Amino acid sequence: MFDTATRVPPHNFEAEQALLGAILLSNRTYEKVSEFLRPEHFADPVHGRIFAACGKLIERGQMANPVTLKPYFELDGGLAEIGGMAYLAQLANSVVSTANAADYGRLILDLHQRRELIGLGEDMINRAFSPDLESPAGELIEEAEAALSALAEHGEVGGGARDLAAVMPAMVKESDAARQRGGKGIGLASGLVDLDDRLGGLAPGNLVVLGARPAMGKSALAICIARHVAATQAPVGAFSLEMRAEEIGQRLASDASDIPYDAIRSGAMTDEEWGRMRQAEHQLADLPVRIDDTAGLTIGQIHARARRMRRRHGIGLLVVDHLHLIRCRGDNRLAELTRISAGLKEIARELGIPVLALCQLNRSVEQRDDKRPQLADLRESGTIEQDADAVVFLFRAGYYLENSEPSRKAGEGDTAYMGRLADWNDDVRRERNRAELIIAKNRHGRTGTVNLYADLALSRFRSLAHACDGGR
């Protein structure tokens, strides 16, 4: 063990001087490092201020040299301590070549990251020693992981603008992959053929919002999609802020075993059904699905845990049920929702996977005669609609029909009443196993409505053609 308090944080003032001198000698050198280097990366604050001033002049199309920098530093006490304006001339005159400037920049960045790591480590040590009941160890670990990941991202040298010549081969590769799949897009197949035809699958980096009123079955639908993806294409990660993981397991088992969800939940099963349920248990246990049912997670915690799932388990799809239960600190609910929806989109882009986020709709739906959802029915719809690549609404007319049994009107005869009741029963039977997916926004293709087979007793949703074939 070494006493870190007696050690000088890593730095290299000579590299900083060499880089600044190279920039003053040839302003084009700035372009080689400005993509990844920032003023705060310099160990000497004065060097950071010189770098920032050079950047301001160069980006304005002006020359950066000791003469043009003079107005910026005439009253700078920090520069005066190390030689004043003569120090700038010394930097420019001491450089022979600018060839190694990019290497100096990367060294400066590397040393900055090391200093940041030391600071993070010391902060975590101090917080771990401090007895704070409001910050359990698990939360400290997640914060440390998020901070380390943020440090890695901010220090990433790659990225930035790419020439079209570099983009086109990648574009052709993506298109060819979609062509090899029979024109079904580059995204993960949801198992719902008509939906995949419209969306092109659940595409990497996309945020897909699935909205519905309560009792429509949006959680069951998301579970069906997750099961299909995990069974056929990629591991799935799920954050269930509403249901326990065991309840998700029960819904999966219901679909897989043809035993009603209520029977599995209550235990009211025959011996034969119990055997089918145990068989379904063994089949489902092999699915690569990770479920985090911790209540009250923040968007930052979800981001950190999703990053961990991606790194350790290679998840290809993330399901969040549902976004209005994510905790967030904000001045008001609109500000909170803005951060949450932007955070979910950021997770999709950073991890390169689709995020399927469930969303409750507001009560305005119930006030209309036509209760099919619209974009305006999203709670605080503006920010969610803006960040989502696709917005899909689940609607079951049968739900409203079943709760609107006609009553006898005053003075109505038996024949008229029984006729209306028979018509209502016919409508209920027709709509009982039918659901609509209303694609209200689709950044990459067509909007419209697709029909599904739905059996909520079994937590089951299928494409109509697949259901007619008897497939599971």
Protein backbone atom coordinates (compact mmCIF):
# COMPACT_ATOMS: atom_id res chain seq x y z
CA MET A 1 0.00 0.00 0.00
CA PHE A 2 1.27 3.45 -0.89
CA ASP A 3 0.22 6.74 0.62
CA THR A 4 -1.43 8.53 -2.29
CA ALA A 5 -1.40 11.82 -0.38
CA THR A 6 2.42 12.00 -0.79
CA ARG A 7 2.44 11.28 -4.52
CA VAL A 8 2.19 13.89 -7.26
CA PRO A 9 -0.70 13.23 -9.69
CA PRO A 10 0.58 12.13 -13.12
CA HIS A 11 1.36 14.98 -15.51
CA ASN A 12 3.82 15.99 -18.21
CA PHE A 13 4.34 19.72 -18.48
CA GLU A 14 6.96 19.23 -21.23
CA ALA A 15 4.38 17.50 -23.48
CA GLU A 16 1.91 20.32 -22.85
CA GLN A 17 4.56 22.92 -23.72
CA ALA A 18 5.55 21.02 -26.87
CA LEU A 19 1.94 20.78 -28.07
CA LEU A 20 1.20 24.46 -27.42
CA GLY A 21 4.43 25.46 -29.17
CA ALA A 22 3.49 23.30 -32.17
CA ILE A 23 0.10 25.02 -32.38
CA LEU A 24 1.68 28.47 -32.21
CA LEU A 25 4.16 27.44 -34.88
CA SER A 26 1.49 25.99 -37.20
CA ASN A 27 -2.17 26.58 -36.43
CA ARG A 28 -3.14 23.54 -38.54
CA THR A 29 -1.75 21.42 -35.72
CA TYR A 30 -4.81 22.40 -33.66
CA GLU A 31 -7.04 20.43 -36.04
CA LYS A 32 -5.12 17.23 -35.21
CA VAL A 33 -6.02 17.37 -31.51
CA SER A 34 -9.14 19.54 -31.18
CA GLU A 35 -11.41 16.55 -31.84
CA PHE A 36 -10.49 14.89 -28.54
CA LEU A 37 -8.51 17.38 -26.46
CA ARG A 38 -10.11 19.99 -24.21
CA PRO A 39 -8.63 22.82 -22.11
CA GLU A 40 -9.52 21.02 -18.88
CA HIS A 41 -7.32 18.07 -19.90
CA PHE A 42 -4.14 20.09 -19.27
CA ALA A 43 -2.49 19.61 -15.88
CA ASP A 44 -1.33 23.22 -15.82
CA PRO A 45 -4.41 25.51 -15.82
CA VAL A 46 -2.45 28.23 -17.63
CA HIS A 47 -1.66 25.81 -20.44
CA GLY A 48 -5.37 25.00 -20.63
CA ARG A 49 -6.23 28.70 -20.97
CA ILE A 50 -3.62 29.15 -23.72
CA PHE A 51 -5.07 26.16 -25.60
CA ALA A 52 -8.60 27.56 -25.25
CA ALA A 53 -7.55 31.01 -26.49
CA CYS A 54 -5.78 29.46 -29.49
CA GLY A 55 -8.93 27.53 -30.29
CA LYS A 56 -11.13 30.62 -30.19
CA LEU A 57 -8.90 32.51 -32.62
CA ILE A 58 -8.41 29.59 -35.01
CA GLU A 59 -12.13 28.78 -35.14
CA ARG A 60 -12.79 32.42 -36.05
CA GLY A 61 -10.39 32.09 -38.96
CA GLN A 62 -7.69 34.22 -37.27
CA MET A 63 -4.05 33.45 -36.60
CA ALA A 64 -3.05 32.29 -33.12
CA ASN A 65 0.45 33.46 -32.21
CA PRO A 66 2.09 35.36 -29.33
CA VAL A 67 1.08 38.71 -30.85
CA THR A 68 -2.63 37.90 -31.37
CA LEU A 69 -2.81 36.19 -27.96
CA LYS A 70 -1.42 39.20 -26.15
CA PRO A 71 -4.81 40.88 -25.45
CA TYR A 72 -6.09 37.69 -23.83
CA PHE A 73 -3.23 37.37 -21.35
CA GLU A 74 -2.02 40.87 -20.52
CA LEU A 75 -3.84 40.76 -17.17
CA ASP A 76 -3.54 37.00 -16.57
CA GLY A 77 -1.77 36.60 -13.23
CA GLY A 78 -1.16 32.90 -13.80
CA LEU A 79 0.79 33.55 -16.99
CA ALA A 80 2.71 36.37 -15.31
CA GLU A 81 3.99 33.93 -12.68
CA ILE A 82 5.65 31.75 -15.31
CA GLY A 83 7.14 34.48 -17.47
CA GLY A 84 4.31 36.54 -18.89
CA MET A 85 4.09 37.25 -22.60
CA ALA A 86 7.71 36.15 -23.01
CA TYR A 87 6.55 32.65 -22.10
CA LEU A 88 4.32 32.50 -25.20
CA ALA A 89 7.23 33.50 -27.42
CA GLN A 90 9.40 30.89 -25.69
CA LEU A 91 6.80 28.18 -26.45
CA ALA A 92 6.65 29.11 -30.15
CA ASN A 93 10.45 29.39 -30.56
CA SER A 94 11.31 26.15 -28.77
CA VAL A 95 9.57 23.84 -31.29
CA VAL A 96 11.49 22.39 -34.21
CA SER A 97 8.78 20.13 -35.69
CA THR A 98 5.02 19.63 -35.38
CA ALA A 99 5.15 15.98 -36.43
CA ASN A 100 4.57 14.56 -32.95
CA ALA A 101 1.80 16.98 -31.93
CA ALA A 102 -1.02 14.38 -32.05
CA ASP A 103 1.03 12.02 -29.86
CA TYR A 104 1.54 14.82 -27.34
CA GLY A 105 -2.21 15.43 -27.34
CA ARG A 106 -3.02 11.78 -26.64
CA LEU A 107 -0.45 11.69 -23.86
CA ILE A 108 -2.02 14.77 -22.26
CA LEU A 109 -5.45 13.13 -22.47
CA ASP A 110 -4.16 9.86 -21.02
CA LEU A 111 -2.61 11.64 -18.04
CA HIS A 112 -5.82 13.61 -17.50
CA GLN A 113 -7.80 10.36 -17.40
CA ARG A 114 -5.36 8.94 -14.87
CA ARG A 115 -5.82 11.99 -12.65
CA GLU A 116 -9.59 11.63 -12.96
CA LEU A 117 -9.34 7.95 -12.03
CA ILE A 118 -7.37 8.87 -8.94
CA GLY A 119 -9.99 11.45 -8.01
CA LEU A 120 -12.84 8.98 -8.52
CA GLY A 121 -11.04 6.37 -6.47
CA GLU A 122 -10.40 8.76 -3.60
CA ASP A 123 -14.02 9.95 -3.69
CA MET A 124 -15.34 6.38 -3.60
CA ILE A 125 -13.00 5.51 -0.73
CA ASN A 126 -14.13 8.52 1.28
CA ARG A 127 -17.82 7.82 0.61
CA ALA A 128 -17.39 4.12 1.42
CA PHE A 129 -15.85 5.00 4.78
CA SER A 130 -18.64 7.48 5.53
CA PRO A 131 -21.65 5.86 7.26
CA ASP A 132 -24.52 7.24 5.15
CA LEU A 133 -27.80 5.33 5.32
CA GLU A 134 -29.08 7.25 2.28
CA SER A 135 -26.30 5.79 0.08
CA PRO A 136 -26.15 1.98 0.36
CA ALA A 137 -23.10 0.18 -1.02
CA GLY A 138 -24.98 -1.05 -4.09
CA GLU A 139 -25.86 2.51 -5.08
CA LEU A 140 -22.24 3.61 -4.62
CA ILE A 141 -21.09 0.80 -6.91
CA GLU A 142 -23.56 1.85 -9.60
CA GLU A 143 -22.49 5.49 -9.32
CA ALA A 144 -18.84 4.48 -9.60
CA GLU A 145 -19.57 2.35 -12.65
CA ALA A 146 -21.49 5.17 -14.31
CA ALA A 147 -18.71 7.65 -13.54
CA LEU A 148 -16.05 5.32 -14.98
CA SER A 149 -18.11 4.76 -18.12
CA ALA A 150 -18.66 8.51 -18.53
CA LEU A 151 -14.91 9.08 -18.17
CA ALA A 152 -14.23 6.49 -20.86
CA GLU A 153 -16.79 8.06 -23.22
CA HIS A 154 -15.54 11.61 -22.75
CA GLY A 155 -12.01 10.47 -23.40
CA GLU A 156 -12.84 8.49 -26.53
CA VAL A 157 -10.55 9.59 -29.33
CA GLY A 158 -12.59 7.94 -32.12
CA GLY A 159 -15.91 9.04 -33.51
CA GLY A 160 -16.57 12.44 -35.01
CA ALA A 161 -17.34 13.24 -38.61
CA ARG A 162 -16.74 10.62 -41.30
CA ASP A 163 -16.26 11.04 -45.02
CA LEU A 164 -19.12 9.82 -47.18
CA ALA A 165 -16.61 7.46 -48.80
CA ALA A 166 -16.26 5.71 -45.43
CA VAL A 167 -20.00 5.71 -44.74
CA MET A 168 -21.14 4.17 -48.03
CA PRO A 169 -19.53 0.70 -47.60
CA ALA A 170 -21.15 0.39 -44.17
CA MET A 171 -24.46 1.45 -45.69
CA VAL A 172 -24.16 -1.21 -48.41
CA LYS A 173 -23.31 -3.83 -45.79
CA GLU A 174 -26.46 -2.98 -43.80
CA SER A 175 -28.62 -3.02 -46.91
CA ASP A 176 -27.18 -6.35 -48.00
CA ALA A 177 -27.92 -7.83 -44.57
CA ALA A 178 -31.52 -6.64 -44.90
CA ARG A 179 -31.70 -8.07 -48.44
CA GLN A 180 -30.43 -11.44 -47.21
CA ARG A 181 -33.32 -11.44 -44.74
CA GLY A 182 -35.81 -11.13 -47.58
CA GLY A 183 -36.26 -7.37 -47.35
CA LYS A 184 -37.34 -7.47 -43.70
CA GLY A 185 -34.98 -4.72 -42.50
CA ILE A 186 -31.89 -4.80 -40.32
CA GLY A 187 -33.64 -4.93 -36.95
CA LEU A 188 -34.50 -7.80 -34.64
CA ALA A 189 -37.68 -9.62 -35.60
CA SER A 190 -40.39 -9.11 -32.98
CA GLY A 191 -42.26 -12.25 -34.01
CA LEU A 192 -45.17 -10.09 -35.25
CA VAL A 193 -44.76 -10.26 -39.01
CA ASP A 194 -46.93 -7.29 -39.98
CA LEU A 195 -45.30 -5.05 -37.38
CA ASP A 196 -41.82 -6.04 -38.56
CA ASP A 197 -42.81 -5.29 -42.16
CA ARG A 198 -43.74 -1.72 -41.14
CA LEU A 199 -40.83 -1.02 -38.78
CA GLY A 200 -38.15 -3.08 -40.51
CA GLY A 201 -37.70 -4.91 -37.21
CA LEU A 202 -36.45 -3.45 -33.94
CA ALA A 203 -33.40 -1.62 -35.28
CA PRO A 204 -30.13 -1.01 -33.39
CA GLY A 205 -30.01 2.39 -31.71
CA ASN A 206 -33.77 2.92 -31.96
CA LEU A 207 -36.17 3.84 -29.18
CA VAL A 208 -39.57 2.22 -29.73
CA VAL A 209 -42.37 3.40 -27.42
CA LEU A 210 -45.31 1.04 -26.85
CA GLY A 211 -48.23 2.95 -25.35
CA ALA A 212 -51.63 1.84 -24.13
CA ARG A 213 -54.28 2.41 -21.49
CA PRO A 214 -54.29 0.00 -18.50
CA ALA A 215 -55.67 -3.52 -19.15
CA MET A 216 -54.86 -3.44 -22.86
CA GLY A 217 -52.07 -6.01 -22.36
CA LYS A 218 -48.96 -3.97 -23.21
CA SER A 219 -46.80 -5.82 -20.64
CA ALA A 220 -47.94 -9.18 -22.02
CA LEU A 221 -47.16 -7.99 -25.56
CA ALA A 222 -43.68 -6.82 -24.55
CA ILE A 223 -43.05 -10.17 -22.84
CA CYS A 224 -44.08 -12.02 -26.02
CA ILE A 225 -41.65 -9.92 -28.07
CA ALA A 226 -38.86 -10.46 -25.54
CA ARG A 227 -39.44 -14.22 -25.56
CA HIS A 228 -39.30 -14.38 -29.35
CA VAL A 229 -36.10 -12.31 -29.55
CA ALA A 230 -34.39 -14.32 -26.80
CA ALA A 231 -35.39 -17.65 -28.34
CA THR A 232 -34.37 -16.83 -31.90
CA GLN A 233 -31.87 -13.98 -32.09
CA ALA A 234 -30.21 -12.35 -29.07
CA PRO A 235 -30.18 -12.14 -25.25
CA VAL A 236 -32.71 -9.71 -23.77
CA GLY A 237 -32.49 -7.38 -20.79
CA ALA A 238 -35.63 -6.18 -19.02
CA PHE A 239 -36.33 -3.59 -16.34
CA SER A 240 -39.68 -4.28 -14.73
CA LEU A 241 -40.60 -1.37 -12.50
CA GLU A 242 -44.20 -2.54 -12.15
CA MET A 243 -44.23 -6.35 -12.00
CA ARG A 244 -42.04 -8.73 -10.03
CA ALA A 245 -39.76 -11.01 -12.03
CA GLU A 246 -41.79 -13.99 -10.80
CA GLU A 247 -44.94 -12.51 -12.33
CA ILE A 248 -43.15 -12.15 -15.65
CA GLY A 249 -42.15 -15.80 -15.35
CA GLN A 250 -45.78 -16.75 -14.73
CA ARG A 251 -46.90 -14.91 -17.87
CA LEU A 252 -44.21 -16.60 -19.93
CA ALA A 253 -45.19 -19.99 -18.53
CA SER A 254 -48.86 -19.34 -19.32
CA ASP A 255 -48.08 -18.67 -22.98
CA ALA A 256 -45.69 -21.62 -23.23
CA SER A 257 -47.95 -24.16 -21.48
CA ASP A 258 -51.47 -23.12 -22.64
CA ILE A 259 -52.49 -22.75 -18.99
CA PRO A 260 -54.36 -19.55 -18.06
CA TYR A 261 -52.24 -17.00 -16.23
CA ASP A 262 -54.80 -16.76 -13.41
CA ALA A 263 -54.58 -20.51 -12.82
CA ILE A 264 -50.78 -20.43 -12.58
CA ARG A 265 -50.90 -17.38 -10.32
CA SER A 266 -53.51 -18.90 -7.97
CA GLY A 267 -52.19 -22.48 -8.17
CA ALA A 268 -55.60 -23.80 -9.30
CA MET A 269 -54.16 -26.40 -11.69
CA THR A 270 -54.84 -30.06 -12.31
CA ASP A 271 -52.00 -32.58 -12.05
CA GLU A 272 -51.77 -32.65 -15.84
CA GLU A 273 -51.55 -28.85 -16.01
CA TRP A 274 -48.95 -28.83 -13.27
CA GLY A 275 -46.84 -31.20 -15.37
CA ARG A 276 -47.15 -28.92 -18.40
CA MET A 277 -46.23 -25.92 -16.31
CA ARG A 278 -43.07 -27.65 -14.99
CA GLN A 279 -42.15 -28.61 -18.55
CA ALA A 280 -42.56 -24.97 -19.61
CA GLU A 281 -40.38 -23.95 -16.67
CA HIS A 282 -37.49 -26.08 -17.95
CA GLN A 283 -37.88 -24.75 -21.49
CA LEU A 284 -37.99 -21.12 -20.40
CA ALA A 285 -35.03 -21.49 -18.03
CA ASP A 286 -32.74 -21.79 -21.06
CA LEU A 287 -33.83 -18.44 -22.52
CA PRO A 288 -31.12 -15.73 -22.25
CA VAL A 289 -33.30 -13.16 -20.48
CA ARG A 290 -32.05 -10.91 -17.65
CA ILE A 291 -34.79 -9.33 -15.51
CA ASP A 292 -34.16 -6.47 -13.07
CA ASP A 293 -37.32 -5.82 -11.04
CA THR A 294 -35.84 -3.25 -8.67
CA ALA A 295 -38.53 -0.64 -7.96
CA GLY A 296 -37.90 3.09 -8.24
CA LEU A 297 -34.77 3.06 -10.39
CA THR A 298 -33.48 6.34 -11.78
CA ILE A 299 -32.62 6.77 -15.45
CA GLY A 300 -28.96 6.93 -14.45
CA GLN A 301 -29.17 3.61 -12.62
CA ILE A 302 -30.96 1.99 -15.57
CA HIS A 303 -28.25 3.31 -17.87
CA ALA A 304 -25.47 1.89 -15.69
CA ARG A 305 -27.17 -1.50 -15.27
CA ALA A 306 -28.03 -1.75 -18.97
CA ARG A 307 -24.42 -1.01 -19.81
CA ARG A 308 -23.40 -3.85 -17.49
CA MET A 309 -25.92 -6.24 -19.09
CA ARG A 310 -24.58 -5.37 -22.52
CA ARG A 311 -20.97 -5.90 -21.47
CA ARG A 312 -21.44 -9.09 -19.45
CA HIS A 313 -24.33 -10.81 -21.24
CA GLY A 314 -24.37 -9.29 -24.73
CA ILE A 315 -28.03 -8.25 -24.66
CA GLY A 316 -29.45 -7.30 -28.05
CA LEU A 317 -32.76 -5.82 -26.83
CA LEU A 318 -33.70 -3.81 -23.75
CA VAL A 319 -37.29 -3.67 -22.47
CA VAL A 320 -38.37 -1.02 -19.93
CA ASP A 321 -41.78 -1.41 -18.23
CA HIS A 322 -42.66 1.35 -17.89
CA LEU A 323 -41.06 4.76 -18.38
CA HIS A 324 -43.48 6.73 -16.16
CA LEU A 325 -42.26 4.72 -13.15
CA ILE A 326 -38.63 5.75 -13.66
CA ARG A 327 -37.48 8.12 -10.93
CA CYS A 328 -35.84 11.36 -11.95
CA ARG A 329 -34.98 14.64 -10.29
CA GLY A 330 -36.38 17.66 -12.11
CA ASP A 331 -38.05 21.02 -11.57
CA ASN A 332 -41.34 19.58 -12.80
CA ARG A 333 -42.75 16.41 -14.33
CA LEU A 334 -42.23 17.66 -17.88
CA ALA A 335 -38.54 18.27 -17.16
CA GLU A 336 -38.29 14.79 -15.62
CA LEU A 337 -39.93 13.12 -18.63
CA THR A 338 -37.62 15.03 -20.93
CA ARG A 339 -34.58 13.61 -19.15
CA ILE A 340 -36.06 10.10 -19.03
CA SER A 341 -37.00 9.86 -22.71
CA ALA A 342 -33.70 11.42 -23.79
CA GLY A 343 -31.90 9.01 -21.44
CA LEU A 344 -33.60 5.98 -22.98
CA LYS A 345 -32.68 7.16 -26.48
CA GLU A 346 -29.10 7.69 -25.30
CA ILE A 347 -28.99 4.09 -23.99
CA ALA A 348 -30.15 2.80 -27.37
CA ARG A 349 -27.55 4.84 -29.27
CA GLU A 350 -24.67 4.15 -26.89
CA LEU A 351 -25.23 0.39 -26.61
CA GLY A 352 -26.24 -0.01 -30.24
CA ILE A 353 -29.41 -1.96 -29.41
CA PRO A 354 -33.15 -1.28 -29.68
CA VAL A 355 -34.93 -0.12 -26.52
CA LEU A 356 -38.62 -1.02 -26.18
CA ALA A 357 -40.13 1.34 -23.60
CA LEU A 358 -43.69 0.89 -22.37
CA CYS A 359 -45.77 3.97 -21.65
CA GLN A 360 -49.13 4.72 -20.02
CA LEU A 361 -51.57 6.93 -21.90
CA ASN A 362 -53.57 9.69 -20.26
CA ARG A 363 -57.29 9.48 -19.51
CA SER A 364 -58.36 11.66 -22.43
CA VAL A 365 -58.79 8.44 -24.43
CA GLU A 366 -61.77 7.49 -22.26
CA GLN A 367 -63.61 10.73 -23.05
CA ARG A 368 -63.88 10.07 -26.80
CA ASP A 369 -66.33 7.90 -28.70
CA ASP A 370 -63.48 6.46 -30.76
CA LYS A 371 -61.07 5.30 -28.11
CA ARG A 372 -58.20 4.47 -30.43
CA PRO A 373 -55.10 6.23 -29.07
CA GLN A 374 -53.44 9.19 -30.71
CA LEU A 375 -50.02 10.79 -30.22
CA ALA A 376 -51.62 13.54 -28.13
CA ASP A 377 -52.69 10.85 -25.62
CA LEU A 378 -49.09 10.29 -24.54
CA ARG A 379 -48.52 11.81 -21.14
CA GLU A 380 -46.34 14.88 -21.69
CA SER A 381 -46.39 13.70 -25.31
CA GLY A 382 -44.01 16.25 -26.82
CA THR A 383 -40.74 14.99 -25.42
CA ILE A 384 -41.57 11.27 -25.73
CA GLU A 385 -42.80 11.64 -29.29
CA GLN A 386 -39.71 13.67 -30.20
CA ASP A 387 -37.17 11.17 -28.85
CA ALA A 388 -38.89 7.99 -30.05
CA ASP A 389 -38.02 6.52 -33.44
CA ALA A 390 -41.36 4.74 -33.44
CA VAL A 391 -44.52 5.11 -31.37
CA VAL A 392 -46.89 2.12 -31.37
CA PHE A 393 -50.23 2.00 -29.57
CA LEU A 394 -51.95 -1.20 -28.46
CA PHE A 395 -55.73 -1.11 -28.66
CA ARG A 396 -58.38 -3.76 -27.97
CA ALA A 397 -61.93 -2.79 -28.86
CA GLY A 398 -63.11 -5.93 -27.05
CA TYR A 399 -62.08 -4.47 -23.70
CA TYR A 400 -64.50 -1.57 -24.09
CA LEU A 401 -67.24 -3.77 -25.55
CA GLU A 402 -67.10 -6.23 -22.65
CA ASN A 403 -67.61 -3.35 -20.23
CA SER A 404 -70.55 -1.82 -22.10
CA GLU A 405 -73.28 -4.46 -21.93
CA PRO A 406 -76.49 -2.75 -23.05
CA SER A 407 -79.20 -2.18 -20.45
CA ARG A 408 -82.91 -2.17 -21.14
CA LYS A 409 -84.20 1.25 -22.10
CA ALA A 410 -87.33 2.67 -20.53
CA GLY A 411 -90.37 1.26 -22.28
CA GLU A 412 -88.29 -1.04 -24.50
CA GLY A 413 -89.94 -4.34 -25.40
CA ASP A 414 -88.33 -7.76 -24.98
CA THR A 415 -87.81 -8.26 -28.70
CA ALA A 416 -85.97 -4.98 -29.22
CA TYR A 417 -83.84 -5.42 -26.09
CA MET A 418 -82.91 -9.04 -26.85
CA GLY A 419 -82.00 -8.01 -30.40
CA ARG A 420 -79.60 -5.34 -29.12
CA LEU A 421 -78.17 -7.79 -26.59
CA ALA A 422 -77.61 -10.40 -29.32
CA ASP A 423 -75.83 -7.82 -31.49
CA TRP A 424 -73.64 -6.87 -28.54
CA ASN A 425 -72.75 -10.53 -27.89
CA ASP A 426 -71.82 -10.94 -31.56
CA ASP A 427 -69.56 -7.89 -31.38
CA VAL A 428 -67.90 -9.18 -28.20
CA ARG A 429 -67.22 -12.58 -29.75
CA ARG A 430 -65.82 -10.98 -32.90
CA GLU A 431 -63.45 -8.69 -30.98
CA ARG A 432 -62.52 -11.03 -28.10
CA ASN A 433 -59.25 -12.26 -29.59
CA ARG A 434 -58.45 -9.28 -31.74
CA ALA A 435 -56.02 -6.45 -31.07
CA GLU A 436 -54.73 -3.53 -33.10
CA LEU A 437 -51.23 -2.10 -33.18
CA ILE A 438 -51.50 1.51 -34.30
CA ILE A 439 -48.15 2.74 -35.63
CA ALA A 440 -48.58 6.46 -35.01
CA LYS A 441 -44.96 7.44 -35.68
CA ASN A 442 -42.33 5.65 -37.72
CA ARG A 443 -39.18 7.59 -38.45
CA HIS A 444 -37.97 4.99 -40.94
CA GLY A 445 -41.12 3.94 -42.77
CA ARG A 446 -44.88 3.81 -42.99
CA THR A 447 -47.43 4.40 -40.28
CA GLY A 448 -50.79 2.61 -40.12
CA THR A 449 -52.54 -0.20 -38.26
CA VAL A 450 -51.78 -3.93 -38.09
CA ASN A 451 -54.09 -6.54 -36.56
CA LEU A 452 -53.03 -9.19 -34.05
CA TYR A 453 -54.45 -12.29 -32.44
CA ALA A 454 -54.70 -11.68 -28.68
CA ASP A 455 -55.50 -14.07 -25.83
CA LEU A 456 -54.88 -12.24 -22.58
CA ALA A 457 -55.89 -15.27 -20.50
CA LEU A 458 -52.70 -16.89 -21.82
CA SER A 459 -50.72 -13.61 -22.03
CA ARG A 460 -50.42 -14.35 -25.74
CA PHE A 461 -50.12 -12.14 -28.81
CA ARG A 462 -49.50 -13.49 -32.29
CA SER A 463 -49.63 -12.42 -35.90
CA LEU A 464 -53.02 -13.40 -37.29
CA ALA A 465 -51.53 -15.67 -39.93
CA HIS A 466 -49.36 -17.41 -37.33
CA ALA A 467 -52.34 -17.86 -34.99
CA CYS A 468 -54.44 -19.35 -37.79
CA ASP A 469 -51.67 -21.86 -38.49
CA GLY A 470 -51.85 -22.95 -34.86
CA GLY A 471 -48.31 -21.80 -34.12
CA ARG A 472 -47.08 -20.63 -30.76
